[in-house]
């Protein structure tokens, strides 16, 4: 990971008035693991991503990639549309 703090996670935790330890305990990870994730030094496993997103009431995309649900859905639709427009058997 880049070592850039996960600002969204940090701000949500502060808004909830919680310590890193409290969040870590709520999602079943160690405080040091949580600190590494929030600090941008480690990316969590998929199941931990989901637990953290659910805990904070946001999507995984919002929490870890800075995109809200609608932006990520729109991106998927655009990609599918582009693939369909190219049609089968066209390699470019």
Protein backbone atom coordinates (compact mmCIF):
# COMPACT_ATOMS: atom_id res chain seq x y z
CA UNK A 1 0.00 0.00 0.00
CA UNK A 2 0.97 3.60 -0.47
CA UNK A 3 1.07 4.70 3.16
CA UNK A 4 -1.58 7.36 2.52
CA UNK A 5 -4.12 7.50 5.32
CA UNK A 6 -7.63 6.32 4.53
CA UNK A 7 -9.20 9.71 5.14
CA UNK A 8 -12.77 8.46 4.78
CA UNK A 9 -12.28 5.78 7.43
CA UNK A 10 -10.50 8.24 9.71
CA UNK A 11 -13.23 10.88 9.40
CA UNK A 12 -16.06 8.38 9.91
CA UNK A 13 -14.37 7.00 13.02
CA UNK A 14 -13.92 10.50 14.45
CA UNK A 15 -17.53 11.44 13.64
CA UNK A 16 -18.67 8.39 15.59
CA UNK A 17 -16.43 9.37 18.50
CA UNK A 18 -14.66 6.01 18.51
CA UNK A 19 -11.10 4.92 19.10
CA UNK A 20 -9.24 2.66 16.72
CA UNK A 21 -9.47 -0.09 19.35
CA UNK A 22 -13.27 0.22 19.55
CA UNK A 23 -13.67 -0.11 15.77
CA UNK A 24 -11.20 -2.99 15.64
CA UNK A 25 -13.05 -4.90 18.36
CA UNK A 26 -16.40 -4.29 16.65
CA UNK A 27 -15.20 -5.87 13.40
CA UNK A 28 -13.07 -8.59 14.97
CA UNK A 29 -9.53 -7.50 14.15
CA UNK A 30 -6.62 -6.32 16.28
CA UNK A 31 -6.11 -2.64 16.99
CA UNK A 32 -2.73 -2.78 15.27
CA UNK A 33 -4.32 -4.27 12.12
CA UNK A 34 -6.95 -1.54 12.13
CA UNK A 35 -4.27 1.13 12.56
CA UNK A 36 -2.34 -0.28 9.59
CA UNK A 37 -5.50 -0.27 7.44
CA UNK A 38 -6.57 3.25 8.43
CA UNK A 39 -2.99 4.46 8.04
CA UNK A 40 -2.82 3.13 4.49
CA UNK A 41 -0.06 0.63 5.21
CA UNK A 42 -2.18 -2.48 4.68
CA UNK A 43 -5.24 -3.35 2.63
CA UNK A 44 -7.67 -5.68 4.41
CA UNK A 45 -9.00 -9.01 3.20
CA UNK A 46 -12.35 -8.87 1.39
CA UNK A 47 -14.33 -10.05 4.42
CA UNK A 48 -12.75 -7.35 6.61
CA UNK A 49 -13.43 -4.72 3.92
CA UNK A 50 -17.10 -5.69 4.06
CA UNK A 51 -17.24 -5.68 7.87
CA UNK A 52 -15.64 -2.24 8.03
CA UNK A 53 -17.92 -0.81 5.34
CA UNK A 54 -21.00 -2.24 7.07
CA UNK A 55 -19.82 -0.90 10.42
CA UNK A 56 -19.40 2.61 9.01
CA UNK A 57 -22.62 2.41 6.95
CA UNK A 58 -20.97 2.91 3.57
CA UNK A 59 -20.04 0.74 0.60
CA UNK A 60 -16.63 -0.89 0.18
CA UNK A 61 -16.08 1.39 -2.84
CA UNK A 62 -16.78 4.49 -0.77
CA UNK A 63 -14.56 3.42 2.10
CA UNK A 64 -11.55 2.13 0.19
CA UNK A 65 -11.71 3.65 -3.29
CA UNK A 66 -13.37 7.02 -2.73
CA UNK A 67 -16.30 6.26 -5.02
CA UNK A 68 -19.89 6.23 -3.94
CA UNK A 69 -22.27 3.43 -4.87
CA UNK A 70 -23.80 5.29 -7.80
CA UNK A 71 -20.43 6.17 -9.33
CA UNK A 72 -19.23 2.57 -9.21
CA UNK A 73 -22.53 1.28 -10.64
CA UNK A 74 -22.38 3.83 -13.45
CA UNK A 75 -18.81 2.79 -14.23
CA UNK A 76 -19.87 -0.87 -14.47
CA UNK A 77 -22.76 0.01 -16.78
CA UNK A 78 -20.48 2.06 -19.02
CA UNK A 79 -17.96 -0.79 -19.24
CA UNK A 80 -20.70 -3.28 -20.13
CA UNK A 81 -22.08 -0.89 -22.73
CA UNK A 82 -18.64 -0.42 -24.30
CA UNK A 83 -18.10 -4.19 -24.43
CA UNK A 84 -21.50 -4.71 -26.05
CA UNK A 85 -20.85 -1.99 -28.64
CA UNK A 86 -17.64 -3.73 -29.74
CA UNK A 87 -19.56 -6.92 -30.44
CA UNK A 88 -18.23 -10.47 -30.55
CA UNK A 89 -15.05 -11.34 -32.39
CA UNK A 90 -13.66 -7.82 -32.70
CA UNK A 91 -10.19 -7.68 -31.24
CA UNK A 92 -9.52 -4.07 -32.11
